Amino acid sequence: MLVREVMSTDVLTAPARTAVRDAVGRMLDAGAGSVVVTSDGTPAGILTKVDVLQAGHEYDRPLSEIPVYAAASRPLVTVEPSATVRVAAARMFDRDVHHLPVADGQTLVGVVTATDLLAAQGDLLREAREHREQREEWDHTD
């Protein structure tokens, strides 16, 4: 199964100088857990709920005074839409992230989350079973 099959194409973005408070408002309105931070239109970081909590604690200032570039996780870890879900899951695990922007070159095309991967688990198990059955059929035809 490929990332493009499970990703969301509705990606929130915010320019780097946007206030964290404004980005949080957009996240709440959209029911999203992250917003991709852009610099000159190019994805440069990601702001998640955890980043917001850390920024509020670290800076000890109102969220309206903190720009998203100061609070965002960087460098941005991405995955290609043609990558397998297994690759995306491994990247999330290795980098300890739960939101993975999907980029085709420098173009942001989606986001895949840990929740998306969990929702696809049934399909992944079915796909693995089908591959195993195919392999067993090939082994018996020799």
N, C-alpha and C. Protein backbone atom coordinates (compact mmCIF):
# COMPACT_ATOMS: atom_id res chain seq x y z
N MET A 1 0.86 -1.17 0.00
CA MET A 1 0.00 0.00 0.00
C MET A 1 0.90 1.24 0.00
N LEU A 2 0.51 2.22 -0.78
CA LEU A 2 1.31 3.42 -0.93
C LEU A 2 0.77 4.58 -0.09
N VAL A 3 1.65 5.50 0.25
CA VAL A 3 1.29 6.67 1.05
C VAL A 3 0.15 7.43 0.39
N ARG A 4 0.19 7.59 -0.94
CA ARG A 4 -0.86 8.36 -1.62
C ARG A 4 -2.26 7.78 -1.38
N GLU A 5 -2.34 6.50 -1.00
CA GLU A 5 -3.63 5.86 -0.77
C GLU A 5 -4.20 6.15 0.61
N VAL A 6 -3.38 6.61 1.54
CA VAL A 6 -3.85 6.84 2.90
C VAL A 6 -3.70 8.29 3.36
N MET A 7 -2.97 9.10 2.61
CA MET A 7 -2.71 10.48 3.03
C MET A 7 -3.95 11.35 2.85
N SER A 8 -3.94 12.45 3.58
CA SER A 8 -4.95 13.48 3.40
C SER A 8 -4.36 14.54 2.48
N THR A 9 -5.17 15.04 1.57
CA THR A 9 -4.68 16.09 0.68
C THR A 9 -5.05 17.48 1.21
N ASP A 10 -5.82 17.52 2.28
CA ASP A 10 -6.19 18.79 2.92
C ASP A 10 -5.11 19.15 3.94
N VAL A 11 -4.13 19.92 3.51
CA VAL A 11 -3.01 20.26 4.37
C VAL A 11 -3.08 21.73 4.75
N LEU A 12 -3.04 22.00 6.04
CA LEU A 12 -3.00 23.38 6.50
C LEU A 12 -1.57 23.88 6.40
N THR A 13 -1.42 25.10 5.93
CA THR A 13 -0.10 25.73 5.88
C THR A 13 -0.18 27.11 6.52
N ALA A 14 0.97 27.58 6.95
CA ALA A 14 1.05 28.92 7.53
C ALA A 14 2.43 29.50 7.22
N PRO A 15 2.47 30.75 6.76
CA PRO A 15 3.76 31.40 6.55
C PRO A 15 4.54 31.47 7.87
N ALA A 16 5.85 31.47 7.77
CA ALA A 16 6.73 31.40 8.94
C ALA A 16 6.47 32.48 9.99
N ARG A 17 6.04 33.64 9.58
CA ARG A 17 5.85 34.75 10.54
C ARG A 17 4.45 34.78 11.16
N THR A 18 3.61 33.83 10.82
CA THR A 18 2.27 33.73 11.43
C THR A 18 2.42 33.49 12.93
N ALA A 19 1.56 34.10 13.70
CA ALA A 19 1.57 33.88 15.15
C ALA A 19 1.06 32.47 15.46
N VAL A 20 1.67 31.85 16.45
CA VAL A 20 1.24 30.50 16.86
C VAL A 20 -0.24 30.49 17.19
N ARG A 21 -0.73 31.53 17.84
CA ARG A 21 -2.15 31.60 18.19
C ARG A 21 -3.04 31.50 16.96
N ASP A 22 -2.67 32.19 15.87
CA ASP A 22 -3.45 32.14 14.64
C ASP A 22 -3.39 30.74 14.01
N ALA A 23 -2.21 30.12 14.06
CA ALA A 23 -2.07 28.77 13.52
C ALA A 23 -2.90 27.79 14.32
N VAL A 24 -2.91 27.95 15.64
CA VAL A 24 -3.71 27.07 16.50
C VAL A 24 -5.20 27.25 16.18
N GLY A 25 -5.63 28.46 15.96
CA GLY A 25 -7.03 28.71 15.59
C GLY A 25 -7.40 27.98 14.32
N ARG A 26 -6.52 28.01 13.34
CA ARG A 26 -6.78 27.30 12.08
C ARG A 26 -6.82 25.79 12.31
N MET A 27 -5.91 25.29 13.15
CA MET A 27 -5.89 23.85 13.45
C MET A 27 -7.20 23.44 14.13
N LEU A 28 -7.66 24.24 15.09
CA LEU A 28 -8.90 23.93 15.79
C LEU A 28 -10.10 23.97 14.85
N ASP A 29 -10.15 24.98 14.00
CA ASP A 29 -11.25 25.11 13.04
C ASP A 29 -11.31 23.93 12.09
N ALA A 30 -10.15 23.43 11.69
CA ALA A 30 -10.08 22.33 10.72
C ALA A 30 -10.07 20.95 11.38
N GLY A 31 -9.97 20.92 12.70
CA GLY A 31 -9.88 19.63 13.39
C GLY A 31 -8.58 18.91 13.04
N ALA A 32 -7.51 19.68 12.84
CA ALA A 32 -6.21 19.12 12.44
C ALA A 32 -5.23 19.18 13.60
N GLY A 33 -4.26 18.31 13.57
CA GLY A 33 -3.25 18.27 14.62
C GLY A 33 -1.95 18.94 14.25
N SER A 34 -1.90 19.50 13.04
CA SER A 34 -0.65 20.14 12.62
C SER A 34 -0.90 21.15 11.52
N VAL A 35 0.10 21.99 11.33
CA VAL A 35 0.10 22.94 10.22
C VAL A 35 1.54 22.98 9.70
N VAL A 36 1.69 22.91 8.39
CA VAL A 36 3.01 22.96 7.77
C VAL A 36 3.41 24.43 7.65
N VAL A 37 4.61 24.74 8.13
CA VAL A 37 5.13 26.09 8.10
C VAL A 37 5.89 26.29 6.79
N THR A 38 5.58 27.38 6.11
CA THR A 38 6.23 27.65 4.83
C THR A 38 7.12 28.89 4.90
N SER A 39 8.16 28.86 4.12
CA SER A 39 9.04 30.01 3.95
C SER A 39 9.13 30.29 2.46
N ASP A 40 8.65 31.44 2.06
CA ASP A 40 8.57 31.79 0.64
C ASP A 40 7.81 30.73 -0.16
N GLY A 41 6.74 30.19 0.45
CA GLY A 41 5.90 29.20 -0.22
C GLY A 41 6.43 27.78 -0.20
N THR A 42 7.63 27.57 0.34
CA THR A 42 8.23 26.24 0.39
C THR A 42 8.08 25.66 1.79
N PRO A 43 7.65 24.39 1.92
CA PRO A 43 7.55 23.77 3.24
C PRO A 43 8.89 23.80 3.97
N ALA A 44 8.89 24.30 5.22
CA ALA A 44 10.14 24.46 5.96
C ALA A 44 10.10 23.85 7.36
N GLY A 45 8.92 23.53 7.86
CA GLY A 45 8.79 22.99 9.20
C GLY A 45 7.35 22.57 9.43
N ILE A 46 7.08 22.06 10.60
CA ILE A 46 5.72 21.66 10.94
C ILE A 46 5.45 22.04 12.40
N LEU A 47 4.27 22.57 12.64
CA LEU A 47 3.84 22.93 13.98
C LEU A 47 2.76 21.95 14.39
N THR A 48 3.00 21.23 15.48
CA THR A 48 2.03 20.26 15.99
C THR A 48 1.53 20.72 17.35
N LYS A 49 0.55 20.00 17.87
CA LYS A 49 0.02 20.32 19.20
C LYS A 49 1.13 20.28 20.25
N VAL A 50 2.00 19.31 20.15
CA VAL A 50 3.11 19.19 21.10
C VAL A 50 4.04 20.40 20.99
N ASP A 51 4.32 20.83 19.76
CA ASP A 51 5.17 22.02 19.57
C ASP A 51 4.55 23.24 20.23
N VAL A 52 3.23 23.37 20.14
CA VAL A 52 2.54 24.51 20.74
C VAL A 52 2.71 24.48 22.26
N LEU A 53 2.55 23.31 22.85
CA LEU A 53 2.73 23.19 24.31
C LEU A 53 4.16 23.53 24.72
N GLN A 54 5.13 23.01 23.96
CA GLN A 54 6.53 23.28 24.28
C GLN A 54 6.84 24.77 24.14
N ALA A 55 6.32 25.41 23.09
CA ALA A 55 6.58 26.84 22.87
C ALA A 55 5.97 27.67 24.00
N GLY A 56 4.75 27.34 24.39
CA GLY A 56 4.10 28.07 25.48
C GLY A 56 4.90 27.97 26.77
N HIS A 57 5.44 26.80 27.03
CA HIS A 57 6.24 26.59 28.24
C HIS A 57 7.61 27.27 28.13
N GLU A 58 8.28 27.07 27.00
CA GLU A 58 9.64 27.57 26.81
C GLU A 58 9.72 29.09 26.75
N TYR A 59 8.82 29.69 25.96
CA TYR A 59 8.90 31.14 25.75
C TYR A 59 8.20 31.95 26.84
N ASP A 60 7.26 31.33 27.55
CA ASP A 60 6.53 32.00 28.63
C ASP A 60 5.98 33.36 28.17
N ARG A 61 5.41 33.34 26.97
CA ARG A 61 4.79 34.53 26.37
C ARG A 61 3.46 34.11 25.77
N PRO A 62 2.58 35.07 25.51
CA PRO A 62 1.32 34.73 24.85
C PRO A 62 1.60 34.13 23.46
N LEU A 63 0.78 33.18 23.07
CA LEU A 63 0.95 32.53 21.76
C LEU A 63 0.83 33.52 20.61
N SER A 64 0.15 34.62 20.85
CA SER A 64 0.02 35.65 19.81
C SER A 64 1.34 36.38 19.55
N GLU A 65 2.32 36.22 20.45
CA GLU A 65 3.62 36.88 20.30
C GLU A 65 4.70 35.94 19.77
N ILE A 66 4.39 34.68 19.59
CA ILE A 66 5.39 33.70 19.15
C ILE A 66 5.13 33.36 17.69
N PRO A 67 6.11 33.57 16.81
CA PRO A 67 5.91 33.20 15.40
C PRO A 67 6.05 31.68 15.24
N VAL A 68 5.33 31.14 14.28
CA VAL A 68 5.35 29.68 14.10
C VAL A 68 6.75 29.17 13.79
N TYR A 69 7.60 29.97 13.12
CA TYR A 69 8.94 29.47 12.80
C TYR A 69 9.74 29.20 14.08
N ALA A 70 9.45 29.93 15.17
CA ALA A 70 10.17 29.74 16.41
C ALA A 70 9.71 28.49 17.16
N ALA A 71 8.49 28.07 16.90
CA ALA A 71 7.93 26.92 17.62
C ALA A 71 7.91 25.63 16.81
N ALA A 72 8.05 25.74 15.51
CA ALA A 72 7.91 24.58 14.62
C ALA A 72 9.07 23.60 14.74
N SER A 73 8.77 22.35 14.45
CA SER A 73 9.80 21.32 14.37
C SER A 73 10.51 21.45 13.03
N ARG A 74 11.84 21.45 13.09
CA ARG A 74 12.66 21.55 11.89
C ARG A 74 13.88 20.68 12.08
N PRO A 75 14.52 20.18 11.06
CA PRO A 75 14.11 20.30 9.66
C PRO A 75 12.87 19.45 9.40
N LEU A 76 12.18 19.78 8.35
CA LEU A 76 10.95 19.09 8.01
C LEU A 76 11.25 17.70 7.48
N VAL A 77 10.65 16.71 8.10
CA VAL A 77 10.78 15.32 7.66
C VAL A 77 9.59 15.03 6.76
N THR A 78 9.84 14.55 5.55
CA THR A 78 8.76 14.28 4.61
C THR A 78 8.86 12.86 4.08
N VAL A 79 7.86 12.49 3.31
CA VAL A 79 7.83 11.21 2.61
C VAL A 79 7.23 11.46 1.23
N GLU A 80 7.58 10.64 0.28
CA GLU A 80 7.07 10.77 -1.07
C GLU A 80 5.72 10.05 -1.18
N PRO A 81 4.82 10.52 -2.06
CA PRO A 81 3.52 9.85 -2.21
C PRO A 81 3.66 8.44 -2.76
N SER A 82 4.75 8.16 -3.45
CA SER A 82 4.96 6.82 -4.02
C SER A 82 5.63 5.86 -3.05
N ALA A 83 5.99 6.33 -1.86
CA ALA A 83 6.61 5.45 -0.86
C ALA A 83 5.56 4.51 -0.29
N THR A 84 6.02 3.39 0.22
CA THR A 84 5.09 2.47 0.86
C THR A 84 4.71 2.98 2.25
N VAL A 85 3.59 2.52 2.73
CA VAL A 85 3.14 2.88 4.07
C VAL A 85 4.16 2.38 5.10
N ARG A 86 4.79 1.26 4.81
CA ARG A 86 5.82 0.73 5.71
C ARG A 86 6.98 1.72 5.84
N VAL A 87 7.40 2.33 4.73
CA VAL A 87 8.47 3.33 4.76
C VAL A 87 8.03 4.53 5.60
N ALA A 88 6.80 4.99 5.41
CA ALA A 88 6.28 6.13 6.17
C ALA A 88 6.26 5.82 7.66
N ALA A 89 5.79 4.63 8.01
CA ALA A 89 5.72 4.24 9.42
C ALA A 89 7.11 4.17 10.03
N ALA A 90 8.06 3.63 9.30
CA ALA A 90 9.43 3.54 9.80
C ALA A 90 10.02 4.94 9.99
N ARG A 91 9.76 5.83 9.06
CA ARG A 91 10.28 7.20 9.18
C ARG A 91 9.67 7.90 10.39
N MET A 92 8.37 7.70 10.60
CA MET A 92 7.72 8.30 11.77
C MET A 92 8.34 7.76 13.05
N PHE A 93 8.54 6.47 13.10
CA PHE A 93 9.11 5.84 14.29
C PHE A 93 10.54 6.33 14.53
N ASP A 94 11.36 6.32 13.47
CA ASP A 94 12.76 6.72 13.59
C ASP A 94 12.92 8.17 14.03
N ARG A 95 12.03 9.04 13.55
CA ARG A 95 12.13 10.47 13.85
C ARG A 95 11.22 10.90 15.00
N ASP A 96 10.46 9.94 15.55
CA ASP A 96 9.54 10.20 16.67
C ASP A 96 8.56 11.33 16.32
N VAL A 97 7.90 11.19 15.15
CA VAL A 97 6.89 12.15 14.73
C VAL A 97 5.58 11.41 14.44
N HIS A 98 4.48 12.14 14.54
CA HIS A 98 3.16 11.55 14.28
C HIS A 98 2.46 12.17 13.08
N HIS A 99 3.07 13.20 12.51
CA HIS A 99 2.54 13.88 11.32
C HIS A 99 3.68 13.97 10.32
N LEU A 100 3.45 13.43 9.13
CA LEU A 100 4.50 13.38 8.12
C LEU A 100 3.99 14.03 6.83
N PRO A 101 4.47 15.23 6.52
CA PRO A 101 4.08 15.86 5.27
C PRO A 101 4.50 15.00 4.08
N VAL A 102 3.68 14.98 3.05
CA VAL A 102 3.95 14.22 1.84
C VAL A 102 4.34 15.23 0.76
N ALA A 103 5.54 15.05 0.21
CA ALA A 103 6.04 16.00 -0.78
C ALA A 103 6.48 15.27 -2.03
N ASP A 104 6.13 15.88 -3.15
CA ASP A 104 6.59 15.41 -4.46
C ASP A 104 7.63 16.44 -4.90
N GLY A 105 8.89 16.15 -4.64
CA GLY A 105 9.93 17.16 -4.84
C GLY A 105 9.76 18.22 -3.77
N GLN A 106 9.65 19.48 -4.17
CA GLN A 106 9.43 20.59 -3.23
C GLN A 106 7.95 20.93 -3.08
N THR A 107 7.08 20.18 -3.76
CA THR A 107 5.65 20.46 -3.74
C THR A 107 4.95 19.64 -2.67
N LEU A 108 4.29 20.31 -1.76
CA LEU A 108 3.52 19.66 -0.71
C LEU A 108 2.22 19.13 -1.30
N VAL A 109 1.98 17.82 -1.18
CA VAL A 109 0.79 17.23 -1.78
C VAL A 109 -0.15 16.59 -0.77
N GLY A 110 0.30 16.47 0.48
CA GLY A 110 -0.55 15.85 1.49
C GLY A 110 0.14 15.73 2.82
N VAL A 111 -0.51 15.03 3.72
CA VAL A 111 0.06 14.72 5.02
C VAL A 111 -0.48 13.35 5.43
N VAL A 112 0.38 12.56 6.03
CA VAL A 112 -0.04 11.27 6.56
C VAL A 112 0.26 11.28 8.06
N THR A 113 -0.69 10.79 8.83
CA THR A 113 -0.54 10.80 10.28
C THR A 113 -0.53 9.38 10.82
N ALA A 114 -0.12 9.26 12.07
CA ALA A 114 -0.14 7.96 12.73
C ALA A 114 -1.56 7.41 12.73
N THR A 115 -2.54 8.28 12.88
CA THR A 115 -3.94 7.86 12.85
C THR A 115 -4.31 7.28 11.48
N ASP A 116 -3.81 7.89 10.41
CA ASP A 116 -4.06 7.37 9.06
C ASP A 116 -3.49 5.95 8.92
N LEU A 117 -2.29 5.75 9.47
CA LEU A 117 -1.66 4.43 9.38
C LEU A 117 -2.44 3.40 10.18
N LEU A 118 -2.94 3.79 11.34
CA LEU A 118 -3.76 2.86 12.12
C LEU A 118 -5.05 2.51 11.40
N ALA A 119 -5.65 3.50 10.75
CA ALA A 119 -6.89 3.26 10.01
C ALA A 119 -6.66 2.31 8.84
N ALA A 120 -5.46 2.33 8.28
CA ALA A 120 -5.14 1.47 7.13
C ALA A 120 -4.66 0.09 7.54
N GLN A 121 -4.53 -0.16 8.83
CA GLN A 121 -3.97 -1.42 9.31
C GLN A 121 -4.70 -2.65 8.78
N GLY A 122 -6.02 -2.61 8.74
CA GLY A 122 -6.79 -3.74 8.22
C GLY A 122 -6.45 -4.04 6.77
N ASP A 123 -6.36 -2.99 5.96
CA ASP A 123 -6.00 -3.16 4.55
C ASP A 123 -4.58 -3.70 4.41
N LEU A 124 -3.68 -3.22 5.26
CA LEU A 124 -2.30 -3.70 5.21
C LEU A 124 -2.21 -5.18 5.56
N LEU A 125 -2.96 -5.59 6.57
CA LEU A 125 -2.96 -7.01 6.95
C LEU A 125 -3.53 -7.88 5.83
N ARG A 126 -4.60 -7.40 5.19
CA ARG A 126 -5.18 -8.14 4.08
C ARG A 126 -4.18 -8.25 2.93
N GLU A 127 -3.51 -7.16 2.62
CA GLU A 127 -2.51 -7.14 1.56
C GLU A 127 -1.36 -8.11 1.86
N ALA A 128 -0.91 -8.13 3.10
CA ALA A 128 0.17 -9.04 3.49
C ALA A 128 -0.28 -10.50 3.36
N ARG A 129 -1.51 -10.78 3.76
CA ARG A 129 -2.06 -12.14 3.64
C ARG A 129 -2.13 -12.57 2.18
N GLU A 130 -2.58 -11.67 1.31
CA GLU A 130 -2.66 -11.98 -0.13
C GLU A 130 -1.28 -12.26 -0.72
N HIS A 131 -0.29 -11.48 -0.30
CA HIS A 131 1.07 -11.71 -0.79
C HIS A 131 1.61 -13.05 -0.31
N ARG A 132 1.32 -13.38 0.94
CA ARG A 132 1.77 -14.66 1.49
C ARG A 132 1.11 -15.82 0.73
N GLU A 133 -0.18 -15.71 0.45
CA GLU A 133 -0.88 -16.76 -0.28
C GLU A 133 -0.34 -16.90 -1.70
N GLN A 134 -0.03 -15.77 -2.34
CA GLN A 134 0.56 -15.81 -3.68
C GLN A 134 1.92 -16.52 -3.64
N ARG A 135 2.71 -16.19 -2.67
CA ARG A 135 4.03 -16.79 -2.53
C ARG A 135 3.91 -18.30 -2.33
N GLU A 136 2.95 -18.72 -1.51
CA GLU A 136 2.74 -20.15 -1.28
C GLU A 136 2.30 -20.85 -2.56
N GLU A 137 1.46 -20.19 -3.35
CA GLU A 137 1.03 -20.77 -4.64
C GLU A 137 2.23 -20.94 -5.56
N TRP A 138 3.11 -19.95 -5.60
CA TRP A 138 4.29 -20.02 -6.46
C TRP A 138 5.23 -21.14 -6.00
N ASP A 139 5.34 -21.31 -4.69
CA ASP A 139 6.21 -22.35 -4.14
C ASP A 139 5.70 -23.74 -4.52
N HIS A 140 4.39 -23.91 -4.64
CA HIS A 140 3.79 -25.21 -4.95
C HIS A 140 3.79 -25.51 -6.44
N THR A 141 4.06 -24.52 -7.28
CA THR A 141 4.05 -24.75 -8.72
C THR A 141 5.41 -25.17 -9.25
N ASP A 142 6.43 -25.22 -8.39
CA ASP A 142 7.79 -25.60 -8.82
C ASP A 142 7.91 -27.08 -9.05
